Amino acid sequence: GPFVLTQYDEVVGWGEMLLEVIDEGRMPPWHANPKVGVFTNARRMSAEEINALKTWVHGGMPYGNAEDLPKPTSYVQGWQFKREPDFVFDMHRKPFAVPEEGIVEYQY
């Protein structure tokens, strides 16, 4: 979404909008076609998860019991490989607009 969903205060005012984008299939974002096959780590919500969210939103989005919260996610900082990279490439800092039609010439 256009905002973080890790803290209660960040979510509580967005209940109806969350239900709308989930019902429309826009969230969670997952563009792979389930008719093609089974995908590892598919970002889909089960009917049970959607119903739990609907019940919570329609129930006024109560905070609940803080003791039931999962442990906060901790993210590792910095380089994760065993050795430093041989070279680090700088990416262009200027954005590039891709035209709707036509050919984009190769750029160095």
N, C-alpha and C. Protein backbone atom coordinates (compact mmCIF):
# COMPACT_ATOMS: atom_id res chain seq x y z
N GLY A 1 0.80 -1.19 0.00
CA GLY A 1 0.00 0.00 0.00
C GLY A 1 0.85 1.26 0.00
N PRO A 2 0.21 2.37 0.04
CA PRO A 2 0.95 3.63 0.06
C PRO A 2 1.46 3.97 1.46
N PHE A 3 1.37 3.03 2.38
CA PHE A 3 1.80 3.28 3.76
C PHE A 3 2.21 1.96 4.39
N VAL A 4 2.90 2.03 5.50
CA VAL A 4 3.38 0.85 6.21
C VAL A 4 2.23 0.24 7.01
N LEU A 5 2.22 -1.08 7.10
CA LEU A 5 1.16 -1.76 7.85
C LEU A 5 1.76 -2.60 8.98
N THR A 6 2.71 -2.03 9.70
CA THR A 6 3.35 -2.79 10.77
C THR A 6 2.92 -2.35 12.16
N GLN A 7 2.30 -1.21 12.28
CA GLN A 7 1.88 -0.69 13.58
C GLN A 7 0.38 -0.41 13.57
N TYR A 8 -0.25 -0.67 14.69
CA TYR A 8 -1.70 -0.45 14.81
C TYR A 8 -2.09 0.97 14.41
N ASP A 9 -1.36 1.97 14.90
CA ASP A 9 -1.70 3.36 14.61
C ASP A 9 -1.64 3.69 13.12
N GLU A 10 -0.85 2.93 12.37
CA GLU A 10 -0.73 3.15 10.93
C GLU A 10 -1.88 2.52 10.15
N VAL A 11 -2.61 1.61 10.77
CA VAL A 11 -3.65 0.84 10.08
C VAL A 11 -5.05 1.28 10.46
N VAL A 12 -5.24 1.68 11.70
CA VAL A 12 -6.57 1.83 12.28
C VAL A 12 -7.52 2.73 11.49
N GLY A 13 -7.05 3.73 10.80
CA GLY A 13 -7.94 4.61 10.06
C GLY A 13 -8.23 4.16 8.64
N TRP A 14 -7.69 3.03 8.22
CA TRP A 14 -7.78 2.62 6.83
C TRP A 14 -8.64 1.37 6.61
N GLY A 15 -9.44 0.99 7.57
CA GLY A 15 -10.19 -0.26 7.50
C GLY A 15 -11.03 -0.45 6.26
N GLU A 16 -11.91 0.51 5.96
CA GLU A 16 -12.81 0.36 4.81
C GLU A 16 -12.02 0.33 3.50
N MET A 17 -10.98 1.14 3.41
CA MET A 17 -10.17 1.15 2.20
C MET A 17 -9.43 -0.18 2.04
N LEU A 18 -8.95 -0.75 3.14
CA LEU A 18 -8.29 -2.05 3.07
C LEU A 18 -9.24 -3.11 2.53
N LEU A 19 -10.47 -3.12 3.04
CA LEU A 19 -11.44 -4.10 2.56
C LEU A 19 -11.75 -3.89 1.08
N GLU A 20 -11.85 -2.65 0.66
CA GLU A 20 -12.15 -2.35 -0.75
C GLU A 20 -11.06 -2.89 -1.67
N VAL A 21 -9.80 -2.60 -1.38
CA VAL A 21 -8.72 -3.03 -2.28
C VAL A 21 -8.51 -4.54 -2.23
N ILE A 22 -8.84 -5.17 -1.11
CA ILE A 22 -8.74 -6.63 -1.02
C ILE A 22 -9.88 -7.26 -1.81
N ASP A 23 -11.10 -6.73 -1.65
CA ASP A 23 -12.25 -7.26 -2.40
C ASP A 23 -12.06 -7.11 -3.90
N GLU A 24 -11.42 -6.03 -4.33
CA GLU A 24 -11.18 -5.79 -5.75
C GLU A 24 -9.99 -6.60 -6.29
N GLY A 25 -9.25 -7.25 -5.39
CA GLY A 25 -8.11 -8.05 -5.81
C GLY A 25 -6.86 -7.24 -6.10
N ARG A 26 -6.85 -5.96 -5.71
CA ARG A 26 -5.66 -5.13 -5.93
C ARG A 26 -4.62 -5.35 -4.85
N MET A 27 -5.03 -5.81 -3.70
CA MET A 27 -4.10 -6.06 -2.60
C MET A 27 -4.42 -7.43 -2.01
N PRO A 28 -3.46 -8.16 -1.52
CA PRO A 28 -2.05 -7.83 -1.67
C PRO A 28 -1.63 -7.98 -3.12
N PRO A 29 -0.63 -7.21 -3.54
CA PRO A 29 -0.23 -7.24 -4.95
C PRO A 29 0.42 -8.57 -5.32
N TRP A 30 -0.17 -9.23 -6.29
CA TRP A 30 0.36 -10.50 -6.77
C TRP A 30 -0.19 -10.70 -8.17
N HIS A 31 0.68 -10.62 -9.16
CA HIS A 31 0.22 -10.62 -10.54
C HIS A 31 0.35 -11.96 -11.24
N ALA A 32 0.87 -12.96 -10.57
CA ALA A 32 0.98 -14.27 -11.19
C ALA A 32 -0.40 -14.91 -11.26
N ASN A 33 -0.67 -15.59 -12.35
CA ASN A 33 -1.98 -16.20 -12.58
C ASN A 33 -2.04 -17.56 -11.88
N PRO A 34 -2.95 -17.74 -10.90
CA PRO A 34 -3.02 -19.02 -10.18
C PRO A 34 -3.48 -20.16 -11.07
N LYS A 35 -4.05 -19.87 -12.25
CA LYS A 35 -4.49 -20.92 -13.18
C LYS A 35 -3.30 -21.58 -13.87
N VAL A 36 -2.14 -20.91 -13.83
CA VAL A 36 -0.95 -21.41 -14.50
C VAL A 36 -0.22 -22.44 -13.63
N GLY A 37 -0.27 -22.27 -12.33
CA GLY A 37 0.42 -23.20 -11.45
C GLY A 37 0.43 -22.72 -10.02
N VAL A 38 1.15 -23.45 -9.18
CA VAL A 38 1.29 -23.11 -7.77
C VAL A 38 2.62 -22.38 -7.62
N PHE A 39 2.60 -21.26 -6.91
CA PHE A 39 3.80 -20.46 -6.76
C PHE A 39 4.24 -20.44 -5.30
N THR A 40 5.53 -20.57 -5.08
CA THR A 40 6.09 -20.48 -3.74
C THR A 40 5.96 -19.04 -3.26
N ASN A 41 5.60 -18.86 -2.01
CA ASN A 41 5.48 -17.54 -1.40
C ASN A 41 4.45 -16.64 -2.09
N ALA A 42 3.40 -17.25 -2.61
CA ALA A 42 2.35 -16.46 -3.25
C ALA A 42 1.76 -15.49 -2.25
N ARG A 43 1.60 -14.25 -2.67
CA ARG A 43 1.07 -13.22 -1.77
C ARG A 43 -0.44 -13.13 -1.98
N ARG A 44 -1.13 -14.09 -1.43
CA ARG A 44 -2.59 -14.11 -1.50
C ARG A 44 -3.12 -14.29 -0.09
N MET A 45 -4.33 -13.81 0.12
CA MET A 45 -4.98 -14.00 1.42
C MET A 45 -6.00 -15.11 1.27
N SER A 46 -6.05 -15.99 2.25
CA SER A 46 -7.05 -17.05 2.24
C SER A 46 -8.41 -16.45 2.59
N ALA A 47 -9.47 -17.19 2.28
CA ALA A 47 -10.82 -16.73 2.63
C ALA A 47 -10.93 -16.53 4.14
N GLU A 48 -10.26 -17.39 4.91
CA GLU A 48 -10.28 -17.27 6.37
C GLU A 48 -9.61 -15.97 6.82
N GLU A 49 -8.49 -15.61 6.21
CA GLU A 49 -7.80 -14.37 6.55
C GLU A 49 -8.63 -13.14 6.18
N ILE A 50 -9.26 -13.19 5.02
CA ILE A 50 -10.11 -12.07 4.58
C ILE A 50 -11.29 -11.91 5.51
N ASN A 51 -11.92 -13.02 5.89
CA ASN A 51 -13.06 -12.95 6.82
C ASN A 51 -12.64 -12.43 8.18
N ALA A 52 -11.46 -12.82 8.66
CA ALA A 52 -10.97 -12.31 9.95
C ALA A 52 -10.75 -10.81 9.87
N LEU A 53 -10.20 -10.33 8.77
CA LEU A 53 -9.98 -8.89 8.59
C LEU A 53 -11.31 -8.15 8.54
N LYS A 54 -12.28 -8.70 7.80
CA LYS A 54 -13.61 -8.06 7.71
C LYS A 54 -14.26 -7.99 9.09
N THR A 55 -14.18 -9.06 9.84
CA THR A 55 -14.76 -9.09 11.18
C THR A 55 -14.12 -8.03 12.06
N TRP A 56 -12.80 -7.91 11.98
CA TRP A 56 -12.07 -6.93 12.78
C TRP A 56 -12.45 -5.51 12.38
N VAL A 57 -12.50 -5.22 11.09
CA VAL A 57 -12.84 -3.87 10.62
C VAL A 57 -14.27 -3.53 11.00
N HIS A 58 -15.21 -4.43 10.72
CA HIS A 58 -16.62 -4.16 11.03
C HIS A 58 -16.88 -4.11 12.53
N GLY A 59 -15.97 -4.69 13.32
CA GLY A 59 -16.08 -4.65 14.77
C GLY A 59 -15.43 -3.41 15.39
N GLY A 60 -14.99 -2.47 14.55
CA GLY A 60 -14.42 -1.23 15.07
C GLY A 60 -12.91 -1.23 15.18
N MET A 61 -12.25 -2.28 14.69
CA MET A 61 -10.79 -2.39 14.70
C MET A 61 -10.19 -2.24 16.10
N PRO A 62 -10.67 -3.02 17.09
CA PRO A 62 -10.12 -2.89 18.44
C PRO A 62 -8.64 -3.30 18.47
N TYR A 63 -7.91 -2.70 19.39
CA TYR A 63 -6.47 -2.96 19.51
C TYR A 63 -6.19 -4.41 19.90
N GLY A 64 -6.96 -4.96 20.78
CA GLY A 64 -6.73 -6.33 21.22
C GLY A 64 -5.74 -6.40 22.37
N ASN A 65 -5.29 -7.61 22.67
CA ASN A 65 -4.39 -7.86 23.79
C ASN A 65 -2.94 -7.75 23.32
N ALA A 66 -2.19 -6.84 23.92
CA ALA A 66 -0.79 -6.62 23.53
C ALA A 66 0.06 -7.88 23.73
N GLU A 67 -0.33 -8.75 24.65
CA GLU A 67 0.43 -9.98 24.89
C GLU A 67 0.33 -10.96 23.72
N ASP A 68 -0.69 -10.79 22.88
CA ASP A 68 -0.88 -11.69 21.73
C ASP A 68 -0.12 -11.23 20.49
N LEU A 69 0.53 -10.08 20.56
CA LEU A 69 1.25 -9.56 19.40
C LEU A 69 2.46 -10.42 19.07
N PRO A 70 2.78 -10.58 17.78
CA PRO A 70 4.01 -11.29 17.44
C PRO A 70 5.22 -10.44 17.79
N LYS A 71 6.36 -11.08 17.90
CA LYS A 71 7.58 -10.32 18.16
C LYS A 71 7.86 -9.42 16.96
N PRO A 72 8.39 -8.22 17.20
CA PRO A 72 8.69 -7.33 16.08
C PRO A 72 9.73 -7.95 15.14
N THR A 73 9.57 -7.69 13.88
CA THR A 73 10.52 -8.16 12.89
C THR A 73 11.80 -7.36 13.00
N SER A 74 12.93 -8.05 12.97
CA SER A 74 14.21 -7.34 12.97
C SER A 74 14.87 -7.59 11.63
N TYR A 75 15.39 -6.55 11.04
CA TYR A 75 16.01 -6.64 9.74
C TYR A 75 17.52 -6.50 9.88
N VAL A 76 18.24 -7.34 9.18
CA VAL A 76 19.70 -7.31 9.20
C VAL A 76 20.16 -6.12 8.37
N GLN A 77 21.12 -5.40 8.87
CA GLN A 77 21.65 -4.24 8.16
C GLN A 77 22.95 -4.60 7.46
N GLY A 78 23.23 -3.93 6.36
CA GLY A 78 24.51 -4.06 5.69
C GLY A 78 24.62 -5.23 4.73
N TRP A 79 25.81 -5.46 4.27
CA TRP A 79 26.12 -6.49 3.28
C TRP A 79 25.94 -7.87 3.91
N GLN A 80 25.31 -8.81 3.19
CA GLN A 80 24.98 -10.11 3.77
C GLN A 80 25.83 -11.27 3.24
N PHE A 81 26.64 -11.02 2.23
CA PHE A 81 27.45 -12.10 1.69
C PHE A 81 28.74 -12.26 2.49
N LYS A 82 29.43 -13.38 2.29
CA LYS A 82 30.62 -13.67 3.10
C LYS A 82 31.80 -12.77 2.80
N ARG A 83 31.83 -12.19 1.62
CA ARG A 83 32.93 -11.29 1.29
C ARG A 83 32.38 -10.03 0.64
N GLU A 84 33.19 -9.01 0.61
CA GLU A 84 32.79 -7.75 0.00
C GLU A 84 32.70 -7.92 -1.52
N PRO A 85 31.88 -7.13 -2.18
CA PRO A 85 31.77 -7.25 -3.64
C PRO A 85 33.07 -6.81 -4.32
N ASP A 86 33.31 -7.35 -5.52
CA ASP A 86 34.49 -6.94 -6.29
C ASP A 86 34.35 -5.50 -6.78
N PHE A 87 33.13 -5.12 -7.09
CA PHE A 87 32.90 -3.79 -7.62
C PHE A 87 31.46 -3.38 -7.32
N VAL A 88 31.24 -2.13 -7.04
CA VAL A 88 29.89 -1.60 -6.81
C VAL A 88 29.60 -0.61 -7.92
N PHE A 89 28.53 -0.85 -8.67
CA PHE A 89 28.14 0.03 -9.78
C PHE A 89 27.19 1.10 -9.28
N ASP A 90 27.43 2.32 -9.70
CA ASP A 90 26.49 3.41 -9.42
C ASP A 90 25.41 3.40 -10.48
N MET A 91 24.18 3.52 -10.08
CA MET A 91 23.07 3.62 -11.03
C MET A 91 22.84 5.09 -11.34
N HIS A 92 22.24 5.33 -12.48
CA HIS A 92 21.92 6.72 -12.84
C HIS A 92 21.01 7.31 -11.77
N ARG A 93 21.31 8.49 -11.37
CA ARG A 93 20.49 9.15 -10.36
C ARG A 93 19.34 9.91 -11.00
N LYS A 94 19.40 10.08 -12.31
CA LYS A 94 18.35 10.80 -13.03
C LYS A 94 17.31 9.79 -13.50
N PRO A 95 16.04 9.98 -13.18
CA PRO A 95 15.01 9.01 -13.60
C PRO A 95 14.88 8.97 -15.12
N PHE A 96 14.46 7.83 -15.61
CA PHE A 96 14.26 7.65 -17.05
C PHE A 96 12.80 7.34 -17.30
N ALA A 97 12.16 8.10 -18.15
CA ALA A 97 10.75 7.88 -18.49
C ALA A 97 10.68 6.98 -19.72
N VAL A 98 10.04 5.84 -19.58
CA VAL A 98 9.87 4.92 -20.70
C VAL A 98 8.65 5.37 -21.50
N PRO A 99 8.81 5.58 -22.82
CA PRO A 99 7.67 6.03 -23.61
C PRO A 99 6.62 4.92 -23.74
N GLU A 100 5.37 5.32 -23.97
CA GLU A 100 4.29 4.35 -24.12
C GLU A 100 4.47 3.50 -25.37
N GLU A 101 5.04 4.09 -26.41
CA GLU A 101 5.22 3.38 -27.68
C GLU A 101 6.62 3.63 -28.20
N GLY A 102 7.04 2.78 -29.13
CA GLY A 102 8.32 3.00 -29.78
C GLY A 102 9.43 2.15 -29.21
N ILE A 103 10.63 2.42 -29.66
CA ILE A 103 11.81 1.67 -29.26
C ILE A 103 12.69 2.55 -28.37
N VAL A 104 13.19 1.97 -27.34
CA VAL A 104 14.12 2.68 -26.46
C VAL A 104 15.53 2.28 -26.86
N GLU A 105 16.29 3.23 -27.32
CA GLU A 105 17.67 2.96 -27.73
C GLU A 105 18.52 2.63 -26.51
N TYR A 106 19.47 1.74 -26.70
CA TYR A 106 20.37 1.34 -25.61
C TYR A 106 21.15 2.56 -25.13
N GLN A 107 21.32 2.65 -23.83
CA GLN A 107 22.07 3.77 -23.26
C GLN A 107 23.24 3.23 -22.46
N TYR A 108 24.36 3.95 -22.50
CA TYR A 108 25.54 3.56 -21.73
C TYR A 108 25.53 4.25 -20.41
